[in-house]
C-alpha atoms as a PDB file:
ATOM      1  CA  MET A   1      -1.688  13.672 -10.631  1.00  0.00           C
ATOM      2  CA  ILE A   2       0.663  16.548 -10.057  1.00  0.00           C
ATOM      3  CA  GLU A   3       3.874  15.335  -8.405  1.00  0.00           C
ATOM      4  CA  ASN A   4       3.980  18.210  -5.894  1.00  0.00           C
ATOM      5  CA  GLU A   5       0.380  17.607  -4.898  1.00  0.00           C
ATOM      6  CA  LYS A   6       0.055  16.353  -1.344  1.00  0.00           C
ATOM      7  CA  HIS A   7      -1.564  12.982  -0.923  1.00  0.00           C
ATOM      8  CA  ASP A   8      -3.605  11.836   2.029  1.00  0.00           C
ATOM      9  CA  PHE A   9      -3.891   8.074   1.763  1.00  0.00           C
ATOM     10  CA  ALA A  10      -7.172   7.870   3.662  1.00  0.00           C
ATOM     11  CA  ALA A  11      -8.698  10.372   1.234  1.00  0.00           C
ATOM     12  CA  ASP A  12      -7.159   8.612  -1.762  1.00  0.00           C
ATOM     13  CA  VAL A  13      -8.829   5.280  -0.977  1.00  0.00           C
ATOM     14  CA  THR A  14     -12.223   6.826  -0.219  1.00  0.00           C
ATOM     15  CA  ILE A  15     -14.848   6.422  -2.943  1.00  0.00           C
ATOM     16  CA  ASN A  16     -17.608   8.921  -3.664  1.00  0.00           C
ATOM     17  CA  ARG A  17     -20.276   6.606  -5.104  1.00  0.00           C
ATOM     18  CA  PHE A  18     -22.124   9.570  -6.580  1.00  0.00           C
ATOM     19  CA  LYS A  19     -19.135  10.500  -8.774  1.00  0.00           C
ATOM     20  CA  LEU A  20     -18.153   7.100 -10.139  1.00  0.00           C
ATOM     21  CA  GLU A  21     -16.905   8.500 -13.445  1.00  0.00           C
ATOM     22  CA  GLU A  22     -14.445  10.804 -11.678  1.00  0.00           C
ATOM     23  CA  GLU A  23     -13.412   8.076  -9.241  1.00  0.00           C
ATOM     24  CA  CYS A  24     -12.741   5.616 -12.079  1.00  0.00           C
ATOM     25  CA  ALA A  25     -10.778   8.261 -13.960  1.00  0.00           C
ATOM     26  CA  LYS A  26      -8.465   9.041 -11.050  1.00  0.00           C
ATOM     27  CA  GLN A  27      -7.903   5.406  -9.941  1.00  0.00           C
ATOM     28  CA  PRO A  28      -4.974   4.705 -12.302  1.00  0.00           C
ATOM     29  CA  SER A  29      -3.071   7.843 -11.295  1.00  0.00           C
ATOM     30  CA  LEU A  30      -3.615   7.139  -7.596  1.00  0.00           C
ATOM     31  CA  TYR A  31      -2.421   3.582  -8.019  1.00  0.00           C
ATOM     32  CA  HIS A  32       0.616   4.762  -9.973  1.00  0.00           C
ATOM     33  CA  TYR A  33       1.523   7.358  -7.355  1.00  0.00           C
ATOM     34  CA  TRP A  34       1.402   4.904  -4.450  1.00  0.00           C
ATOM     35  CA  ALA A  35       3.031   2.071  -6.443  1.00  0.00           C
ATOM     36  CA  GLU A  36       5.931   4.426  -7.214  1.00  0.00           C
ATOM     37  CA  LYS A  37       6.218   5.215  -3.511  1.00  0.00           C
ATOM     38  CA  LEU A  38       6.316   1.463  -2.814  1.00  0.00           C
ATOM     39  CA  ALA A  39       9.038   0.961  -5.425  1.00  0.00           C
ATOM     40  CA  ASP A  40      11.089   3.725  -3.795  1.00  0.00           C
ATOM     41  CA  ALA A  41      10.568   2.109  -0.387  1.00  0.00           C
ATOM     42  CA  LYS A  42      11.729  -1.281  -1.680  1.00  0.00           C
ATOM     43  CA  SER A  43      14.814   0.371  -3.104  1.00  0.00           C
ATOM     44  CA  ALA A  44      15.460   2.037   0.259  1.00  0.00           C
ATOM     45  CA  VAL A  45      15.141  -1.349   2.000  1.00  0.00           C
ATOM     46  CA  ASP A  46      17.718  -2.835  -0.368  1.00  0.00           C
ATOM     47  CA  ALA A  47      20.074   0.081   0.230  1.00  0.00           C
ATOM     48  CA  ALA A  48      19.618  -0.165   4.006  1.00  0.00           C
ATOM     49  CA  TYR A  49      20.277  -3.929   3.913  1.00  0.00           C
ATOM     50  CA  ASN A  50      23.465  -3.394   1.923  1.00  0.00           C
ATOM     51  CA  ASN A  51      24.496  -0.710   4.413  1.00  0.00           C
ATOM     52  CA  VAL A  52      23.972  -3.139   7.321  1.00  0.00           C
ATOM     53  CA  LYS A  53      26.212  -5.671   5.623  1.00  0.00           C
ATOM     54  CA  LEU A  54      28.863  -3.028   4.900  1.00  0.00           C
ATOM     55  CA  VAL A  55      28.877  -1.546   8.403  1.00  0.00           C
ATOM     56  CA  THR A  56      28.915  -5.019   9.966  1.00  0.00           C
ATOM     57  CA  ALA A  57      31.924  -6.058   7.861  1.00  0.00           C
ATOM     58  CA  GLN A  58      33.767  -2.815   8.589  1.00  0.00           C
ATOM     59  CA  ARG A  59      33.134  -3.054  12.312  1.00  0.00           C
ATOM     60  CA  GLU A  60      34.148  -6.711  12.366  1.00  0.00           C
ATOM     61  CA  MET A  61      37.453  -5.844  10.697  1.00  0.00           C
ATOM     62  CA  TYR A  62      37.942  -2.976  13.153  1.00  0.00           C
ATOM     63  CA  HIS A  63      37.354  -5.179  16.209  1.00  0.00           C
ATOM     64  CA  ARG A  64      39.603  -7.940  14.829  1.00  0.00           C
ATOM     65  CA  GLN A  65      42.366  -5.388  14.246  1.00  0.00           C
ATOM     66  CA  LEU A  66      41.977  -4.035  17.778  1.00  0.00           C
ATOM     67  CA  ALA A  67      42.305  -7.531  19.205  1.00  0.00           C
ATOM     68  CA  ALA A  68      45.337  -8.247  17.026  1.00  0.00           C
ATOM     69  CA  ASN A  69      47.043  -4.976  18.005  1.00  0.00           C
ATOM     70  CA  ALA A  70      46.414  -5.710  21.681  1.00  0.00           C
ATOM     71  CA  GLN A  71      47.677  -9.241  21.105  1.00  0.00           C
ATOM     72  CA  VAL A  72      44.522 -10.611  22.727  1.00  0.00           C
ATOM     73  CA  LYS A  73      43.320 -14.034  21.705  1.00  0.00           C
ATOM     74  CA  THR A  74      39.705 -13.840  20.611  1.00  0.00           C
ATOM     75  CA  THR A  75      37.132 -16.377  19.539  1.00  0.00           C
ATOM     76  CA  GLU A  76      34.610 -16.107  16.734  1.00  0.00           C
ATOM     77  CA  ALA A  77      31.837 -15.894  19.334  1.00  0.00           C
ATOM     78  CA  THR A  78      33.558 -12.947  21.024  1.00  0.00           C
ATOM     79  CA  ILE A  79      33.995 -11.107  17.722  1.00  0.00           C
ATOM     80  CA  ALA A  80      30.386 -11.843  16.713  1.00  0.00           C
ATOM     81  CA  ALA A  81      29.059 -10.576  20.051  1.00  0.00           C
ATOM     82  CA  THR A  82      31.246  -7.478  19.915  1.00  0.00           C
ATOM     83  CA  VAL A  83      30.116  -6.667  16.380  1.00  0.00           C
ATOM     84  CA  GLU A  84      26.461  -7.322  17.201  1.00  0.00           C
ATOM     85  CA  THR A  85      26.555  -4.866  20.102  1.00  0.00           C
ATOM     86  CA  ASP A  86      28.554  -2.255  18.186  1.00  0.00           C
ATOM     87  CA  GLU A  87      26.738   1.091  18.149  1.00  0.00           C
ATOM     88  CA  GLN A  88      27.262   1.694  14.428  1.00  0.00           C
ATOM     89  CA  VAL A  89      25.919  -1.759  13.568  1.00  0.00           C
ATOM     90  CA  GLN A  90      22.880  -1.182  15.776  1.00  0.00           C
ATOM     91  CA  GLU A  91      22.212   2.167  14.091  1.00  0.00           C
ATOM     92  CA  ALA A  92      22.447   0.604  10.613  1.00  0.00           C
ATOM     93  CA  LYS A  93      20.039  -2.168  11.658  1.00  0.00           C
ATOM     94  CA  SER A  94      17.616   0.405  13.044  1.00  0.00           C
ATOM     95  CA  LEU A  95      17.590   2.283   9.735  1.00  0.00           C
ATOM     96  CA  TYR A  96      16.999  -1.013   7.924  1.00  0.00           C
ATOM     97  CA  GLN A  97      14.059  -1.792  10.193  1.00  0.00           C
ATOM     98  CA  GLN A  98      12.554   1.648   9.589  1.00  0.00           C
ATOM     99  CA  ALA A  99      12.868   1.180   5.826  1.00  0.00           C
ATOM    100  CA  GLN A 100      11.160  -2.220   6.092  1.00  0.00           C
ATOM    101  CA  SER A 101       8.327  -0.695   8.126  1.00  0.00           C
ATOM    102  CA  THR A 102       7.729   1.932   5.451  1.00  0.00           C
ATOM    103  CA  GLN A 103       7.720  -0.766   2.785  1.00  0.00           C
ATOM    104  CA  TYR A 104       5.202  -2.882   4.706  1.00  0.00           C
ATOM    105  CA  HIS A 105       2.848   0.073   5.146  1.00  0.00           C
ATOM    106  CA  LEU A 106       3.038   0.982   1.462  1.00  0.00           C
ATOM    107  CA  GLU A 107       2.416  -2.636   0.446  1.00  0.00           C
ATOM    108  CA  ALA A 108      -0.747  -2.562   2.543  1.00  0.00           C
ATOM    109  CA  GLY A 109      -1.706   0.736   0.914  1.00  0.00           C
ATOM    110  CA  VAL A 110      -1.238  -0.544  -2.622  1.00  0.00           C
ATOM    111  CA  LYS A 111      -3.303  -3.602  -1.719  1.00  0.00           C
ATOM    112  CA  ALA A 112      -6.024  -1.249  -0.449  1.00  0.00           C
ATOM    113  CA  LEU A 113      -5.945   0.508  -3.834  1.00  0.00           C
ATOM    114  CA  ASP A 114      -6.442  -2.881  -5.497  1.00  0.00           C
ATOM    115  CA  HIS A 115      -9.519  -3.331  -3.312  1.00  0.00           C
ATOM    116  CA  ARG A 116     -10.639   0.184  -4.241  1.00  0.00           C
ATOM    117  CA  LYS A 117     -10.494  -0.771  -7.911  1.00  0.00           C
ATOM    118  CA  SER A 118     -12.594  -3.869  -7.243  1.00  0.00           C
ATOM    119  CA  GLU A 119     -15.094  -1.807  -5.294  1.00  0.00           C
ATOM    120  CA  LEU A 120     -15.310   0.721  -8.127  1.00  0.00           C
ATOM    121  CA  ASP A 121     -16.071  -2.173 -10.482  1.00  0.00           C
ATOM    122  CA  ASN A 122     -18.787  -3.406  -8.101  1.00  0.00           C
ATOM    123  CA  LEU A 123     -20.317   0.030  -7.673  1.00  0.00           C
ATOM    124  CA  THR A 124     -20.279   0.608 -11.418  1.00  0.00           C
ATOM    125  CA  GLN A 125     -22.098  -2.686 -11.968  1.00  0.00           C
ATOM    126  CA  LEU A 126     -24.681  -1.697  -9.360  1.00  0.00           C
ATOM    127  CA  TRP A 127     -25.163   1.656 -11.060  1.00  0.00           C
ATOM    128  CA  ILE A 128     -25.562  -0.016 -14.465  1.00  0.00           C
ATOM    129  CA  LYS A 129     -28.218  -2.279 -12.958  1.00  0.00           C
ATOM    130  CA  SER A 130     -30.036   0.798 -11.597  1.00  0.00           C
ATOM    131  CA  TYR A 131     -29.427  -0.135  -7.980  1.00  0.00           C
ATOM    132  CA  TYR A 132     -29.173   3.513  -6.932  1.00  0.00           C
ATOM    133  CA  SER A 133     -32.075   4.843  -8.963  1.00  0.00           C
ATOM    134  CA  ARG A 134     -34.675   4.387  -6.211  1.00  0.00           C
ATOM    135  CA  PRO A 135     -34.539   6.187  -2.877  1.00  0.00           C
ATOM    136  CA  ASP A 136     -34.944   2.913  -0.972  1.00  0.00           C
ATOM    137  CA  GLY A 137     -31.919   1.435  -2.786  1.00  0.00           C
ATOM    138  CA  GLY A 138     -34.030  -1.313  -4.316  1.00  0.00           C
ATOM    139  CA  LYS A 139     -33.425  -2.761  -7.738  1.00  0.00           C
ATOM    140  CA  GLY A 140     -35.143  -1.398 -10.766  1.00  0.00           C
ATOM    141  CA  SER A 141     -36.167   2.092 -11.652  1.00  0.00           C
ATOM    142  CA  VAL A 142     -39.322   4.151 -11.631  1.00  0.00           C
ATOM    143  CA  GLY A 143     -39.745   3.283 -15.312  1.00  0.00           C
ATOM    144  CA  ASP A 144     -39.813  -0.403 -14.392  1.00  0.00           C
ATOM    145  CA  ASP A 145     -42.644   0.235 -11.934  1.00  0.00           C
ATOM    146  CA  VAL A 146     -44.658   2.015 -14.616  1.00  0.00           C
ATOM    147  CA  SER A 147     -44.023  -0.822 -17.076  1.00  0.00           C
ATOM    148  CA  ASN A 148     -45.201  -3.368 -14.523  1.00  0.00           C
ATOM    149  CA  GLU A 149     -48.407  -1.398 -13.882  1.00  0.00           C
ATOM    150  CA  ILE A 150     -49.140  -1.189 -17.611  1.00  0.00           C
ATOM    151  CA  ARG A 151     -48.646  -4.972 -17.941  1.00  0.00           C
ATOM    152  CA  LYS A 152     -50.997  -5.615 -15.005  1.00  0.00           C
ATOM    153  CA  ASN A 153     -53.643  -3.403 -16.574  1.00  0.00           C
ATOM    154  CA  LEU A 154     -53.269  -5.135 -19.952  1.00  0.00           C
ATOM    155  CA  ASN A 155     -53.883  -8.500 -18.332  1.00  0.00           C
ATOM    156  CA  LYS A 156     -57.038  -7.189 -16.649  1.00  0.00           C
ATOM    157  CA  GLN A 157     -58.562  -5.944 -19.914  1.00  0.00           C
ATOM    158  CA  GLU A 158     -60.967  -8.280 -21.607  1.00  0.00           C
END
């Protein structure tokens, strides 16, 4: 796959059963592309989590310093509530939640590509067994029908 190529996930998981060779050939590159996206998303989640911890610690220190400068007695519960409602902490948590959402969607997508691989295996097995060789989708091929007729006729001969 070309890195600059745009990917449409719905199109990437679709299988054209009449071009199994092409579909099997592109499966590894599709899986790699989306697995790399998932890895990037997991990294972004880790970075966002670390940012939440950093911003929370910084804002806690800030609010403690404010209370100390104002010579106001505070409790741990007051500091915790103040930090939790701090706008910067809320923004950092929102970014973390967005990163997690992206990760969850990509995990579902990579799982769908695993299912695509299994379906390609199933379709290939059906093709090998001549499932698609008859218009009605029945098993066997036209050659099998001819062979069966010849056998019937041989049994009828005396």
